[in-house]
């Protein structure tokens, strides 16, 4: 559905994007994640044909965004960070205007408008001026205009910004329902947003992609956590001699003495070997040495931990 290759964009001396490349298959829900100023909105504006890149190519559904912009835009539904609403219009009048702008044939408008209204829960508010709606329902109107033509690709830029917790949950559920019919690219700097609705994340930092993977892959870790009931001499040294162990670090623990054990290929992004599972050999060692075991488990990183690691250290791509 989306192919982006070596995309770069400069605003004078400021380079917003640097060699960005990624691929999105039809039916995916992708979270474009990054801090403010990372280049997320610039990427989305280029995808929609609103901006031209300085370098690189972008295709949507096999069509070039630069040379076939009109055909691309017919396939896209777009909700920018600030929804393009007219507060003096009623919901119904606004959506009819959008249908006309989308050049939807008049005989098909009633069915498509009704479907968009039902999907976004706007039936009770059709005659209400948009300016009288709550922030959450104005966002629903923005989503309705983005899906009224049943787009193949739905691009959402910070769709829950400024909403209260209840409204956020409602919009997330709505996005989940919309994903049944459209590929969705969702831009946000809110980590929980990606975890709640996406199955894959692309992390942009300083205009570059630092990670592009399924959430489960991003959060996976080969680190093993060992917690002993009491401090025992020689534990760290003995663990380091275990095959496959690269680093042993002590960590604070309220229940005992904790050790973080890293595998030899745990930090090697270029390694093609399957990830090591050190739990079995470490458990055998614990039994052999009769150490007072409390807990032995594989660590799981949160998306927040992954993001902070990339944002603060400028670490290698994942």
Protein backbone atom coordinates (compact mmCIF):
# COMPACT_ATOMS: atom_id res chain seq x y z
CA UNK A 1 0.00 0.00 0.00
CA UNK A 2 2.85 2.42 0.81
CA UNK A 3 6.44 2.38 -0.45
CA UNK A 4 8.80 5.12 0.72
CA UNK A 5 12.38 5.09 -0.56
CA UNK A 6 15.23 7.40 0.52
CA UNK A 7 12.86 10.22 1.41
CA UNK A 8 14.45 13.53 2.43
CA UNK A 9 12.94 16.95 3.06
CA UNK A 10 14.66 20.23 3.89
CA UNK A 11 13.20 23.55 4.96
CA UNK A 12 16.08 25.85 4.10
CA UNK A 13 18.95 24.88 6.37
CA UNK A 14 16.74 22.60 8.48
CA UNK A 15 16.61 18.98 7.34
CA UNK A 16 13.34 17.47 8.53
CA UNK A 17 13.81 14.02 6.95
CA UNK A 18 17.02 12.16 6.14
CA UNK A 19 16.86 9.11 3.87
CA UNK A 20 13.64 7.65 5.25
CA UNK A 21 12.52 4.31 3.76
CA UNK A 22 9.69 2.01 4.81
CA UNK A 23 6.99 -0.29 3.40
CA UNK A 24 3.39 -0.76 4.54
CA UNK A 25 1.27 -3.72 3.40
CA UNK A 26 -2.46 -3.48 2.82
CA UNK A 27 -4.44 -4.05 6.02
CA UNK A 28 -1.69 -3.06 8.46
CA UNK A 29 -2.12 -0.60 11.33
CA UNK A 30 1.18 1.24 11.62
CA UNK A 31 2.18 3.65 14.36
CA UNK A 32 4.53 6.41 13.21
CA UNK A 33 6.09 7.25 16.54
CA UNK A 34 8.45 10.03 17.54
CA UNK A 35 8.94 13.13 19.68
CA UNK A 36 7.70 16.52 18.55
CA UNK A 37 9.78 17.71 15.61
CA UNK A 38 10.86 14.20 14.60
CA UNK A 39 9.44 14.53 11.06
CA UNK A 40 6.15 12.65 11.46
CA UNK A 41 3.86 15.36 10.13
CA UNK A 42 6.25 16.16 7.28
CA UNK A 43 6.19 12.49 6.26
CA UNK A 44 2.40 12.44 6.28
CA UNK A 45 2.09 15.64 4.27
CA UNK A 46 4.39 14.18 1.62
CA UNK A 47 2.34 10.96 1.53
CA UNK A 48 -0.83 12.96 0.91
CA UNK A 49 0.76 15.08 -1.81
CA UNK A 50 0.55 18.26 0.26
CA UNK A 51 4.34 18.66 0.30
CA UNK A 52 6.99 17.70 -2.24
CA UNK A 53 10.09 15.89 -0.98
CA UNK A 54 13.57 17.23 -1.58
CA UNK A 55 14.69 13.72 -2.56
CA UNK A 56 13.28 10.22 -2.72
CA UNK A 57 10.19 8.47 -4.06
CA UNK A 58 6.80 7.68 -2.55
CA UNK A 59 4.11 5.42 -3.99
CA UNK A 60 0.63 4.70 -2.61
CA UNK A 61 -1.25 1.69 -3.98
CA UNK A 62 1.34 1.54 -6.78
CA UNK A 63 0.84 5.20 -7.79
CA UNK A 64 3.55 7.85 -7.65
CA UNK A 65 2.57 10.62 -5.24
CA UNK A 66 4.37 13.30 -7.26
CA UNK A 67 3.21 12.46 -10.77
CA UNK A 68 -0.17 10.89 -9.97
CA UNK A 69 -1.23 13.02 -7.04
CA UNK A 70 -4.93 13.22 -7.90
CA UNK A 71 -5.32 9.44 -8.22
CA UNK A 72 -3.42 8.97 -4.95
CA UNK A 73 -5.57 11.46 -3.07
CA UNK A 74 -8.73 9.65 -4.16
CA UNK A 75 -7.43 6.60 -2.31
CA UNK A 76 -6.49 8.46 0.87
CA UNK A 77 -8.49 9.65 3.85
CA UNK A 78 -6.56 12.23 5.88
CA UNK A 79 -7.16 13.64 9.33
CA UNK A 80 -4.52 16.31 10.05
CA UNK A 81 -3.64 17.30 13.61
CA UNK A 82 -6.08 20.21 13.38
CA UNK A 83 -9.19 18.87 11.65
CA UNK A 84 -10.41 21.06 8.74
CA UNK A 85 -13.82 21.90 10.21
CA UNK A 86 -16.23 24.80 9.67
CA UNK A 87 -17.83 25.57 13.05
CA UNK A 88 -20.82 27.42 11.56
CA UNK A 89 -21.90 24.42 9.46
CA UNK A 90 -24.01 21.57 10.77
CA UNK A 91 -22.44 18.12 10.77
CA UNK A 92 -24.73 17.05 7.94
CA UNK A 93 -24.01 20.10 5.77
CA UNK A 94 -20.27 19.76 6.32
CA UNK A 95 -20.18 16.07 5.36
CA UNK A 96 -22.28 16.76 2.27
CA UNK A 97 -19.79 19.45 1.28
CA UNK A 98 -16.93 16.98 1.71
CA UNK A 99 -18.77 14.42 -0.42
CA UNK A 100 -19.10 17.01 -3.18
CA UNK A 101 -15.43 17.94 -2.92
CA UNK A 102 -14.57 14.25 -3.11
CA UNK A 103 -16.64 14.08 -6.31
CA UNK A 104 -18.75 11.25 -4.97
CA UNK A 105 -21.63 10.65 -7.43
CA UNK A 106 -24.88 12.06 -6.10
CA UNK A 107 -26.67 8.72 -6.20
CA UNK A 108 -23.98 7.15 -3.98
CA UNK A 109 -23.76 9.96 -1.44
CA UNK A 110 -26.67 8.95 0.86
CA UNK A 111 -25.32 5.44 1.46
CA UNK A 112 -21.70 6.53 1.96
CA UNK A 113 -22.66 9.45 4.21
CA UNK A 114 -24.89 7.21 6.32
CA UNK A 115 -22.10 4.65 6.67
CA UNK A 116 -19.57 7.28 7.79
CA UNK A 117 -22.05 8.78 10.26
CA UNK A 118 -22.88 5.38 11.77
CA UNK A 119 -19.21 4.42 11.99
CA UNK A 120 -18.38 7.55 13.96
CA UNK A 121 -21.54 7.62 16.12
CA UNK A 122 -22.69 11.01 14.87
CA UNK A 123 -26.38 10.19 14.23
CA UNK A 124 -27.76 12.31 17.12
CA UNK A 125 -25.70 15.36 16.09
CA UNK A 126 -26.35 15.73 12.36
CA UNK A 127 -28.23 19.03 12.69
CA UNK A 128 -25.94 20.43 15.39
CA UNK A 129 -23.47 23.18 14.38
CA UNK A 130 -19.95 21.79 14.58
CA UNK A 131 -18.87 24.69 16.77
CA UNK A 132 -21.27 23.51 19.48
CA UNK A 133 -19.80 20.01 19.70
CA UNK A 134 -17.30 18.82 22.29
CA UNK A 135 -13.68 18.30 21.29
CA UNK A 136 -14.25 14.55 21.12
CA UNK A 137 -17.20 14.84 18.77
CA UNK A 138 -15.44 17.39 16.59
CA UNK A 139 -12.70 14.79 16.23
CA UNK A 140 -15.37 12.27 15.20
CA UNK A 141 -16.54 14.69 12.51
CA UNK A 142 -12.93 14.93 11.32
CA UNK A 143 -12.75 11.15 11.12
CA UNK A 144 -16.09 11.00 9.29
CA UNK A 145 -14.83 13.36 6.58
CA UNK A 146 -11.70 11.23 6.24
CA UNK A 147 -13.64 7.99 5.63
CA UNK A 148 -16.70 9.22 3.73
CA UNK A 149 -15.29 7.99 0.40
CA UNK A 150 -14.16 4.61 1.88
CA UNK A 151 -10.43 5.18 1.34
CA UNK A 152 -7.94 2.36 0.92
CA UNK A 153 -5.47 4.25 3.10
CA UNK A 154 -6.36 6.25 6.22
CA UNK A 155 -3.73 8.69 7.52
CA UNK A 156 -4.29 10.07 11.02
CA UNK A 157 -2.04 12.74 12.52
CA UNK A 158 -2.28 12.84 16.34
CA UNK A 159 -5.95 11.70 16.29
CA UNK A 160 -6.46 11.87 20.07
CA UNK A 161 -4.54 15.03 20.91
CA UNK A 162 -6.42 17.26 23.33
CA UNK A 163 -9.04 14.64 24.20
CA UNK A 164 -9.96 13.54 27.71
CA UNK A 165 -9.37 9.89 28.75
CA UNK A 166 -12.91 8.78 27.91
CA UNK A 167 -12.79 10.39 24.47
CA UNK A 168 -9.38 8.83 23.81
CA UNK A 169 -10.77 5.35 24.48
CA UNK A 170 -13.74 6.02 22.18
CA UNK A 171 -11.53 7.23 19.31
CA UNK A 172 -9.18 4.26 19.71
CA UNK A 173 -12.13 1.86 19.45
CA UNK A 174 -13.31 3.69 16.38
CA UNK A 175 -9.86 3.39 14.75
CA UNK A 176 -9.97 -0.35 15.45
CA UNK A 177 -13.29 -0.63 13.61
CA UNK A 178 -12.06 1.46 10.68
CA UNK A 179 -9.07 -0.88 10.31
CA UNK A 180 -11.44 -3.60 9.11
CA UNK A 181 -11.68 -1.80 5.75
CA UNK A 182 -8.59 0.44 5.47
CA UNK A 183 -4.85 0.39 5.91
CA UNK A 184 -4.07 2.86 8.70
CA UNK A 185 -0.97 4.98 9.29
CA UNK A 186 -1.26 6.73 12.62
CA UNK A 187 1.18 9.41 13.73
CA UNK A 188 1.63 10.15 17.41
CA UNK A 189 4.13 10.92 20.14
CA UNK A 190 1.95 9.10 22.70
CA UNK A 191 3.44 5.64 23.32
CA UNK A 192 0.24 4.15 24.74
CA UNK A 193 -1.55 5.13 21.54
CA UNK A 194 0.65 2.83 19.48
CA UNK A 195 0.41 -0.01 22.01
CA UNK A 196 -3.39 0.27 22.08
CA UNK A 197 -4.18 0.22 18.36
CA UNK A 198 -1.11 -0.68 16.27
CA UNK A 199 0.61 -3.95 15.47
CA UNK A 200 3.81 -2.36 14.17
CA UNK A 201 5.78 0.77 14.99
CA UNK A 202 8.10 2.96 12.97
CA UNK A 203 10.14 5.21 15.27
CA UNK A 204 11.38 8.49 13.80
CA UNK A 205 13.97 10.53 15.68
CA UNK A 206 15.63 13.63 14.23
CA UNK A 207 14.26 12.85 10.79
CA UNK A 208 15.66 9.32 10.66
CA UNK A 209 14.10 5.90 11.20
CA UNK A 210 15.63 4.31 14.28
CA UNK A 211 13.27 1.32 14.51
CA UNK A 212 10.76 -0.45 12.27
CA UNK A 213 9.31 -3.68 13.63
CA UNK A 214 6.31 -5.48 15.08
CA UNK A 215 5.60 -4.36 18.64
CA UNK A 216 6.32 -7.84 19.98
CA UNK A 217 9.71 -7.79 18.25
CA UNK A 218 10.57 -4.33 19.57
CA UNK A 219 9.66 -5.32 23.12
CA UNK A 220 11.43 -8.71 23.02
CA UNK A 221 14.60 -9.08 25.06
CA UNK A 222 17.20 -11.81 25.49
CA UNK A 223 18.09 -10.47 28.95
CA UNK A 224 17.45 -12.80 31.87
CA UNK A 225 16.66 -11.57 35.39
CA UNK A 226 17.92 -13.72 38.28
CA UNK A 227 16.89 -12.85 41.84
CA UNK A 228 18.49 -14.57 44.82
CA UNK A 229 17.27 -14.37 48.42
CA UNK A 230 20.62 -13.20 49.72
CA UNK A 231 23.99 -11.98 48.52
CA UNK A 232 26.21 -14.94 47.71
CA UNK A 233 29.97 -14.62 46.99
CA UNK A 234 31.11 -15.34 43.45
CA UNK A 235 27.68 -15.35 41.75
CA UNK A 236 28.51 -12.73 39.11
CA UNK A 237 31.86 -14.32 38.27
CA UNK A 238 30.30 -17.78 37.95
CA UNK A 239 27.50 -16.46 35.74
CA UNK A 240 29.99 -14.78 33.41
CA UNK A 241 31.66 -18.14 32.77
CA UNK A 242 28.37 -19.65 31.54
CA UNK A 243 28.30 -20.25 27.79
CA UNK A 244 26.33 -17.58 25.93
CA UNK A 245 26.61 -14.94 28.70
CA UNK A 246 28.02 -11.58 27.59
CA UNK A 247 27.43 -9.25 30.53
CA UNK A 248 26.26 -9.64 34.13
CA UNK A 249 24.98 -6.58 36.00
CA UNK A 250 23.51 -6.22 39.48
CA UNK A 251 20.19 -4.39 39.86
CA UNK A 252 18.17 -3.13 42.82
CA UNK A 253 15.37 -5.46 43.95
CA UNK A 254 12.95 -5.21 46.89
CA UNK A 255 12.89 -9.00 47.31
CA UNK A 256 16.58 -9.94 47.19
CA UNK A 257 19.73 -9.55 45.10
CA UNK A 258 18.99 -9.18 41.36
CA UNK A 259 21.26 -9.86 38.40
CA UNK A 260 20.64 -8.88 34.79
CA UNK A 261 22.30 -11.36 32.43
CA UNK A 262 22.79 -10.39 28.79
CA UNK A 263 23.31 -12.93 26.02
CA UNK A 264 26.23 -12.76 23.60
CA UNK A 265 23.93 -11.87 20.67
CA UNK A 266 21.47 -9.81 22.70
CA UNK A 267 22.77 -6.45 21.50
CA UNK A 268 24.06 -7.50 18.10
CA UNK A 269 21.59 -5.98 15.61
CA UNK A 270 23.41 -7.64 12.69
CA UNK A 271 23.43 -11.13 14.17
CA UNK A 272 21.53 -13.72 12.11
CA UNK A 273 21.70 -16.34 14.86
CA UNK A 274 18.48 -17.13 16.74
CA UNK A 275 18.23 -15.34 20.10
CA UNK A 276 19.69 -17.28 22.98
CA UNK A 277 17.50 -18.37 25.86
CA UNK A 278 19.79 -18.43 28.87
CA UNK A 279 17.15 -19.51 31.40
CA UNK A 280 17.83 -23.26 31.19
CA UNK A 281 21.63 -23.14 31.66
CA UNK A 282 21.30 -20.55 34.42
CA UNK A 283 18.68 -22.64 36.21
CA UNK A 284 20.99 -25.67 36.01
CA UNK A 285 23.79 -23.55 37.45
CA UNK A 286 21.56 -22.30 40.29
CA UNK A 287 20.67 -25.88 41.22
CA UNK A 288 24.29 -27.02 40.99
CA UNK A 289 25.54 -24.17 43.19
CA UNK A 290 22.51 -24.37 45.53
CA UNK A 291 21.94 -20.63 45.32
CA UNK A 292 18.81 -19.37 47.18
CA UNK A 293 16.59 -18.77 44.14
CA UNK A 294 13.58 -16.44 44.30
CA UNK A 295 12.95 -15.72 40.64
CA UNK A 296 14.34 -16.51 37.19
CA UNK A 297 12.66 -14.96 34.13
CA UNK A 298 13.26 -13.44 30.73
CA UNK A 299 13.00 -9.66 30.80
CA UNK A 300 10.40 -7.85 28.68
CA UNK A 301 11.09 -4.30 27.52
CA UNK A 302 8.26 -1.82 27.31
CA UNK A 303 7.81 0.32 24.22
CA UNK A 304 8.62 3.27 26.48
CA UNK A 305 11.98 1.72 27.37
CA UNK A 306 12.79 1.09 23.70
CA UNK A 307 11.80 4.62 22.73
CA UNK A 308 13.76 6.25 25.57
CA UNK A 309 16.83 4.20 24.72
CA UNK A 310 16.74 5.37 21.11
CA UNK A 311 15.83 8.96 21.95
CA UNK A 312 18.44 9.51 24.67
CA UNK A 313 21.39 7.53 23.35
CA UNK A 314 20.93 7.87 19.60
CA UNK A 315 21.55 4.14 19.54
CA UNK A 316 21.71 1.80 16.61
CA UNK A 317 18.65 1.16 14.50
CA UNK A 318 16.45 -1.72 15.59
